[in-house]
Amino acid sequence: MDRAERADLVLVVDDNPVNLGVISKALTDANIDVAVATDGEMALSVVSRDEPDLVLLDVMMPRLDGFETCRRLKADPATAGVPVIFMTARSEASAMVEGFEAGAVDYVTKPFHGGELIARVRTQLSLRRVTRALLDRNARLEETLRERASAEVEREELTRELVRRTEELRQANDRLTLELAERERAEAARADLQEQIIAAQRERLKELSTPLIPITDSIVIMPLIGTMDAVRIERATETALKGVSERGASFVILDVTGARGLDVDAAHRLIRAGDGLRLLGAQAVITGIGPEMARAFVDLDISLGTMVTAGALQEGIAYAMRAQGRRSHRLGLQ
C-alpha cells in the first residue's frame, strides 16, 4: 500500500507482554495501526523494514535500553525523522532530560492513563503528518525551482545567441537594421524585468501567507516565516482572530522560529495581537524566539505582557495541552 494511503502506524516497544497488550488495544480501539517489538534490537529491525509514524519506546529493557535505541534511530538519516515517545516509570528529572537529549519528543509515565496516552499519540501523529506535508511541498517546490533554473539557462543562451546574430546583422546592415535590433534588446530587457518583478511578488506573497494549523479543537499553530514587518503582523493578526472566532480555540501558538526583521511597529502590533486574542478568550503563546529576536525585544524595551513564551514549538504545544487540561479539570469540578 502507498505510504500516503495507509493508516497511521505506531510501533510499541516493551519487554513486558502485559504492557504491550494494554497499549496495543488502546491504540487499536482508537483506529491506529500497531506494530510491536519486545526489545531494542527487534525495534530497530522492525523500523528498517517498515518505517512507523511514531515509536512508543520503553526505557528499561535488557541489553539495549530505550535511550540507546532512540539514539540509534536518530543517528540513522533514514529513521531520524520518526518521533519517539518514551514510556517510563521513572519520574526523576534526570531521566526525562536524558530522554529528550536522546531525541524523544515526549514521554508518558507508568502506570498509563489511556486518554492521556492516546491524546499524546494523536498530537505527535498530527505533527508528523504536517511535517511530511511540508517536506513534500518543499520537495515539489525545489523541483519546480530547478526546472525554472534550467529553463532560465536555456533562455539566456538563446538570448545570447540572438544578441550575437543581431550584432552580426547590425554590422552588415544599415541604420534601420540597427534600430530594429535595439528594439529587440529593449523588449528582451523589459520582459526580463517583468519576470523579476513577478518573481519578487511571488516571494512576497509566500512570506505573507499565514496558515492556521489545528492541533486539537482548542489549540492552533500559526508559523510565522520570513520578514516580520507591520503588514505581515497585521495579516497574521486578522487570520488568528478570525480562526479563533470560527474554531473557538483557546490557545494560539505563534511560532517565530523562521521569522526575521522585527522592528518597533511590528513588535507593538504583535503585542496587540496577543491582546486581541485574549479579548476573544484565547491565550497567545510565542515559541521559537531566538537570540536575535530576543535582543530585538530587549533593545526596543518591549514587554510581551500577558503572552506566554516557550523555547521550542513542542514546548509550546505541551504548555497549551497542560493548561487546557487544567482548565477542563476546573470546569469539570464546577
Protein backbone atom coordinates (compact mmCIF):
# COMPACT_ATOMS: atom_id res chain seq x y z
CA MET A 1 0.00 0.00 0.00
CA ASP A 2 1.22 3.51 -0.81
CA ARG A 3 2.52 5.36 2.25
CA ALA A 4 0.09 8.24 1.74
CA GLU A 5 -2.92 5.87 1.68
CA ARG A 6 -2.27 3.70 4.74
CA ALA A 7 -3.42 4.41 8.31
CA ASP A 8 -1.06 5.80 10.94
CA LEU A 9 1.34 3.11 12.23
CA VAL A 10 2.67 3.17 15.80
CA LEU A 11 5.49 0.83 16.90
CA VAL A 12 5.16 -0.17 20.59
CA VAL A 13 8.42 -1.40 22.17
CA ASP A 14 8.21 -3.02 25.64
CA ASP A 15 9.64 -6.19 27.14
CA ASN A 16 6.50 -6.63 29.25
CA PRO A 17 3.80 -8.59 27.35
CA VAL A 18 1.07 -7.18 29.58
CA ASN A 19 2.06 -3.61 28.73
CA LEU A 20 2.21 -4.50 25.03
CA GLY A 21 -1.30 -5.90 25.18
CA VAL A 22 -2.80 -2.94 27.05
CA ILE A 23 -1.19 -0.29 24.85
CA SER A 24 -1.91 -2.16 21.60
CA LYS A 25 -5.60 -2.49 22.50
CA ALA A 26 -5.88 1.22 23.39
CA LEU A 27 -4.30 2.24 20.08
CA THR A 28 -6.32 -0.25 18.04
CA ASP A 29 -9.54 0.97 19.67
CA ALA A 30 -8.51 4.47 18.55
CA ASN A 31 -8.25 3.23 14.91
CA ILE A 32 -4.44 3.35 14.88
CA ASP A 33 -2.39 0.52 13.33
CA VAL A 34 0.07 -1.11 15.71
CA ALA A 35 3.36 -2.98 15.37
CA VAL A 36 5.16 -4.44 18.40
CA ALA A 37 8.69 -5.26 19.48
CA THR A 38 9.93 -6.78 22.75
CA ASP A 39 13.43 -5.25 22.82
CA GLY A 40 15.53 -2.51 21.26
CA GLU A 41 17.23 -4.67 18.64
CA MET A 42 13.92 -6.04 17.44
CA ALA A 43 12.57 -2.48 17.28
CA LEU A 44 15.45 -1.37 15.05
CA SER A 45 14.82 -4.34 12.77
CA VAL A 46 11.09 -3.55 12.50
CA VAL A 47 11.75 0.12 11.74
CA SER A 48 14.24 -0.79 8.99
CA ARG A 49 11.56 -2.90 7.23
CA ASP A 50 8.53 -0.64 7.63
CA GLU A 51 9.05 2.88 8.98
CA PRO A 52 6.35 3.72 11.55
CA ASP A 53 4.81 7.15 12.06
CA LEU A 54 5.62 7.06 15.80
CA VAL A 55 7.54 4.89 18.27
CA LEU A 56 6.32 4.30 21.85
CA LEU A 57 9.56 3.20 23.50
CA ASP A 58 10.02 1.67 26.95
CA VAL A 59 13.11 2.97 28.81
CA MET A 60 14.06 -0.03 30.95
CA MET A 61 14.78 -3.04 28.73
CA PRO A 62 17.50 -5.71 28.81
CA ARG A 63 20.57 -5.47 26.58
CA LEU A 64 19.65 -2.39 24.52
CA ASP A 65 17.70 0.08 26.67
CA GLY A 66 15.29 2.71 25.38
CA PHE A 67 17.77 5.59 25.48
CA GLU A 68 20.34 3.79 23.31
CA THR A 69 17.63 2.52 20.94
CA CYS A 70 16.43 6.10 20.47
CA ARG A 71 19.97 7.36 19.85
CA ARG A 72 20.48 4.75 17.12
CA LEU A 73 17.20 5.69 15.47
CA LYS A 74 18.18 9.36 15.44
CA ALA A 75 21.69 8.60 14.19
CA ASP A 76 20.32 6.91 11.06
CA PRO A 77 19.22 9.51 8.44
CA ALA A 78 16.57 7.06 7.21
CA THR A 79 14.81 6.98 10.62
CA ALA A 80 15.92 10.23 12.23
CA GLY A 81 12.59 11.89 11.47
CA VAL A 82 10.46 9.28 13.26
CA PRO A 83 9.13 10.83 16.52
CA VAL A 84 9.75 8.87 19.74
CA ILE A 85 7.68 9.00 22.94
CA PHE A 86 9.35 7.39 25.96
CA MET A 87 7.37 5.22 28.37
CA THR A 88 8.88 5.04 31.85
CA ALA A 89 8.09 4.51 35.49
CA ARG A 90 10.98 6.84 36.38
CA SER A 91 9.74 10.29 37.28
CA GLU A 92 13.01 11.98 38.18
CA ALA A 93 14.00 14.98 36.07
CA SER A 94 17.36 13.48 35.08
CA ALA A 95 15.65 10.56 33.32
CA MET A 96 13.36 12.92 31.43
CA VAL A 97 16.28 15.13 30.41
CA GLU A 98 18.25 12.12 29.19
CA GLY A 99 15.24 11.05 27.13
CA PHE A 100 14.89 14.44 25.44
CA GLU A 101 18.65 14.60 24.83
CA ALA A 102 18.44 11.19 23.16
CA GLY A 103 15.94 12.66 20.71
CA ALA A 104 12.49 11.98 22.18
CA VAL A 105 9.65 14.45 21.56
CA ASP A 106 7.55 13.48 24.62
CA TYR A 107 7.19 10.96 27.43
CA VAL A 108 4.43 9.22 29.40
CA THR A 109 4.79 7.74 32.86
CA LYS A 110 3.63 4.38 34.04
CA PRO A 111 1.00 3.38 35.04
CA PHE A 112 -0.68 4.73 31.90
CA HIS A 113 -3.78 6.85 31.68
CA GLY A 114 -5.45 5.70 28.46
CA GLY A 115 -6.90 9.07 27.50
CA GLU A 116 -3.60 10.91 28.05
CA LEU A 117 -1.65 8.29 26.09
CA ILE A 118 -4.00 8.50 23.09
CA ALA A 119 -4.00 12.31 23.23
CA ARG A 120 -0.20 12.47 23.19
CA VAL A 121 -0.01 9.90 20.39
CA ARG A 122 -2.58 11.76 18.28
CA THR A 123 -0.70 15.05 18.80
CA GLN A 124 2.58 13.59 17.55
CA LEU A 125 0.88 11.80 14.64
CA SER A 126 -0.76 15.08 13.64
CA LEU A 127 2.60 16.88 13.79
CA ARG A 128 4.17 14.04 11.80
CA ARG A 129 1.56 14.45 9.06
CA VAL A 130 2.10 18.22 9.00
CA THR A 131 5.87 17.74 8.84
CA ARG A 132 5.59 15.24 5.99
CA ALA A 133 3.25 17.55 4.10
CA LEU A 134 5.72 20.41 4.47
CA LEU A 135 8.63 18.22 3.35
CA ASP A 136 6.67 17.04 0.31
CA ARG A 137 5.73 20.61 -0.51
CA ASN A 138 9.35 21.75 -0.19
CA ALA A 139 10.49 18.89 -2.43
CA ARG A 140 7.97 19.87 -5.10
CA LEU A 141 9.00 23.50 -4.78
CA GLU A 142 12.69 22.63 -5.16
CA GLU A 143 11.92 20.58 -8.26
CA THR A 144 9.94 23.48 -9.73
CA LEU A 145 12.80 25.86 -8.99
CA ARG A 146 15.29 23.51 -10.66
CA GLU A 147 13.08 23.29 -13.74
CA ARG A 148 12.75 27.06 -13.84
CA ALA A 149 16.50 27.48 -13.41
CA SER A 150 17.13 25.11 -16.32
CA ALA A 151 14.61 26.98 -18.48
CA GLU A 152 16.23 30.27 -17.49
CA VAL A 153 19.66 28.99 -18.58
CA GLU A 154 18.24 27.93 -21.93
CA ARG A 155 16.51 31.28 -22.30
CA GLU A 156 19.72 33.13 -21.52
CA GLU A 157 21.64 31.01 -24.03
CA LEU A 158 19.02 31.74 -26.67
CA THR A 159 19.14 35.42 -25.76
CA ARG A 160 22.93 35.50 -26.12
CA GLU A 161 22.68 33.76 -29.47
CA LEU A 162 20.06 36.24 -30.59
CA VAL A 163 22.25 39.16 -29.47
CA ARG A 164 25.25 37.71 -31.31
CA ARG A 165 23.34 37.29 -34.56
CA THR A 166 21.75 40.67 -34.13
CA GLU A 167 25.18 42.19 -33.72
CA GLU A 168 26.32 40.48 -36.92
CA LEU A 169 23.30 41.86 -38.72
CA ARG A 170 23.95 45.30 -37.23
CA GLN A 171 27.42 45.31 -38.72
CA ALA A 172 26.14 44.10 -42.09
CA ASN A 173 23.01 46.17 -42.47
CA ASP A 174 22.05 49.84 -42.42
CA ARG A 175 20.68 52.12 -39.71
CA LEU A 176 17.18 50.62 -39.92
CA THR A 177 18.50 47.15 -39.11
CA LEU A 178 20.37 48.62 -36.13
CA GLU A 179 17.20 50.28 -34.82
CA LEU A 180 15.26 47.02 -35.09
CA ALA A 181 17.98 45.15 -33.18
CA GLU A 182 17.96 47.77 -30.42
CA ARG A 183 14.19 47.46 -30.14
CA GLU A 184 14.50 43.68 -29.77
CA ARG A 185 17.07 44.06 -26.99
CA ALA A 186 14.91 46.63 -25.25
CA GLU A 187 11.91 44.28 -25.42
CA ALA A 188 14.00 41.42 -24.04
CA ALA A 189 15.18 43.63 -21.16
CA ARG A 190 11.60 44.69 -20.42
CA ALA A 191 10.44 41.05 -20.40
CA ASP A 192 13.32 40.12 -18.09
CA LEU A 193 12.40 42.97 -15.74
CA GLN A 194 8.78 41.80 -15.73
CA GLU A 195 9.94 38.28 -14.84
CA GLN A 196 11.98 39.67 -11.93
CA ILE A 197 9.03 41.75 -10.67
CA ILE A 198 6.68 38.76 -10.89
CA ALA A 199 9.19 36.53 -9.07
CA ALA A 200 9.64 39.16 -6.33
CA GLN A 201 5.86 39.46 -5.93
CA ARG A 202 5.51 35.69 -5.66
CA GLU A 203 8.17 35.56 -2.96
CA ARG A 204 6.43 38.36 -1.07
CA LEU A 205 3.06 36.59 -1.29
CA LYS A 206 4.63 33.41 0.08
CA GLU A 207 6.03 35.37 3.03
CA LEU A 208 2.65 36.99 3.67
CA SER A 209 0.88 33.61 3.84
CA THR A 210 -0.18 32.85 7.40
CA PRO A 211 -1.56 29.31 7.71
CA LEU A 212 -3.51 28.36 10.83
CA ILE A 213 -2.82 24.70 11.68
CA PRO A 214 -5.17 22.95 14.14
CA ILE A 215 -3.52 20.62 16.68
CA THR A 216 -6.64 19.93 18.75
CA ASP A 217 -10.10 21.50 18.85
CA SER A 218 -8.75 24.12 21.27
CA ILE A 219 -5.12 24.54 20.12
CA VAL A 220 -3.95 26.00 16.79
CA ILE A 221 -0.47 26.86 15.47
CA MET A 222 0.45 29.78 13.23
CA PRO A 223 4.05 29.54 11.88
CA LEU A 224 5.45 33.00 11.03
CA ILE A 225 8.21 32.62 8.44
CA GLY A 226 10.11 35.43 6.75
CA THR A 227 10.09 39.17 7.33
CA MET A 228 8.24 40.32 10.49
CA ASP A 229 7.07 43.73 9.28
CA ALA A 230 3.89 45.61 10.18
CA VAL A 231 1.96 44.34 7.14
CA ARG A 232 2.86 40.72 7.92
CA ILE A 233 1.86 41.01 11.57
CA GLU A 234 -1.41 42.73 10.61
CA ARG A 235 -2.34 39.88 8.24
CA ALA A 236 -1.33 37.27 10.82
CA THR A 237 -3.48 39.04 13.45
CA GLU A 238 -6.52 39.05 11.16
CA THR A 239 -6.09 35.36 10.39
CA ALA A 240 -5.58 34.44 14.07
CA LEU A 241 -8.60 36.43 15.30
CA LYS A 242 -10.84 35.04 12.56
CA GLY A 243 -9.60 31.49 13.21
CA VAL A 244 -10.18 31.72 16.97
CA SER A 245 -13.63 33.19 16.42
CA GLU A 246 -14.62 30.44 13.96
CA ARG A 247 -12.98 27.50 15.75
CA GLY A 248 -13.48 28.56 19.37
CA ALA A 249 -9.81 27.81 20.04
CA SER A 250 -8.39 28.53 23.50
CA PHE A 251 -4.69 28.67 22.59
CA VAL A 252 -2.93 30.18 19.57
CA ILE A 253 0.77 29.23 19.28
CA LEU A 254 2.68 31.82 17.23
CA ASP A 255 5.87 30.04 16.15
CA VAL A 256 8.52 32.61 15.10
CA THR A 257 11.37 30.14 14.60
CA GLY A 258 11.75 31.16 10.94
CA ALA A 259 10.89 34.85 11.38
CA ARG A 260 13.27 37.77 11.00
CA GLY A 261 13.47 41.58 10.77
CA LEU A 262 11.44 42.62 13.85
CA ASP A 263 11.05 46.41 14.17
CA VAL A 264 9.26 48.64 16.70
CA ASP A 265 5.97 48.85 14.79
CA ALA A 266 5.86 45.10 14.14
CA ALA A 267 6.69 44.32 17.79
CA HIS A 268 3.87 46.53 19.10
CA ARG A 269 1.44 45.01 16.61
CA LEU A 270 2.47 41.55 17.82
CA ILE A 271 1.63 42.55 21.40
CA ARG A 272 -1.72 43.95 20.26
CA ALA A 273 -2.40 40.66 18.50
CA GLY A 274 -1.99 38.89 21.85
CA ASP A 275 -4.35 41.39 23.49
CA GLY A 276 -6.94 40.85 20.76
CA LEU A 277 -6.78 37.08 21.20
CA ARG A 278 -7.19 37.50 24.96
CA LEU A 279 -10.39 39.53 24.37
CA LEU A 280 -11.74 36.55 22.43
CA GLY A 281 -10.88 34.23 25.32
CA ALA A 282 -7.75 32.74 23.77
CA GLN A 283 -4.20 32.65 25.16
CA ALA A 284 -1.34 33.60 22.84
CA VAL A 285 1.83 31.50 23.18
CA ILE A 286 5.02 32.55 21.34
CA THR A 287 7.57 29.85 20.55
CA GLY A 288 10.91 29.79 18.77
CA ILE A 289 12.25 33.17 19.94
CA GLY A 290 15.93 33.06 19.04
CA PRO A 291 18.79 35.21 20.36
CA GLU A 292 18.41 37.81 17.59
CA MET A 293 14.70 38.37 18.22
CA ALA A 294 15.19 38.30 21.99
CA ARG A 295 17.80 41.07 21.66
CA ALA A 296 15.36 43.00 19.47
CA PHE A 297 12.67 42.91 22.19
CA VAL A 298 15.22 43.96 24.80
CA ASP A 299 16.71 46.76 22.65
CA LEU A 300 13.21 48.05 21.83
CA ASP A 301 12.28 47.90 25.55
CA ILE A 302 9.09 45.99 24.72
CA SER A 303 7.32 43.68 27.18
CA LEU A 304 5.33 40.74 25.91
CA GLY A 305 2.67 41.49 28.53
CA THR A 306 0.25 38.61 29.06
CA MET A 307 1.68 36.50 26.24
CA VAL A 308 3.35 33.22 27.22
CA THR A 309 6.73 32.28 25.71
CA ALA A 310 8.27 28.85 25.18
CA GLY A 311 11.58 27.83 23.65
CA ALA A 312 10.58 25.25 21.05
CA LEU A 313 7.28 24.55 19.31
CA GLN A 314 6.92 21.23 21.15
CA GLU A 315 7.24 23.03 24.48
CA GLY A 316 4.53 25.50 23.48
CA ILE A 317 2.21 22.66 22.48
CA ALA A 318 2.93 20.84 25.75
CA TYR A 319 2.18 24.01 27.74
CA ALA A 320 -1.09 24.58 25.90
CA MET A 321 -2.18 20.99 26.41
CA ARG A 322 -1.39 21.13 30.13
CA ALA A 323 -3.16 24.44 30.53
CA GLN A 324 -6.17 23.15 28.59
CA GLY A 325 -6.22 20.07 30.78
CA ARG A 326 -6.23 22.18 33.94
CA ARG A 327 -8.99 24.36 32.51
CA SER A 328 -11.09 21.34 31.59
CA HIS A 329 -10.48 19.88 35.06
CA ARG A 330 -11.68 23.07 36.75
CA LEU A 331 -14.77 23.18 34.56
CA GLY A 332 -15.43 19.54 35.37
CA LEU A 333 -15.23 20.24 39.11
CA GLN A 334 -17.62 23.12 38.74
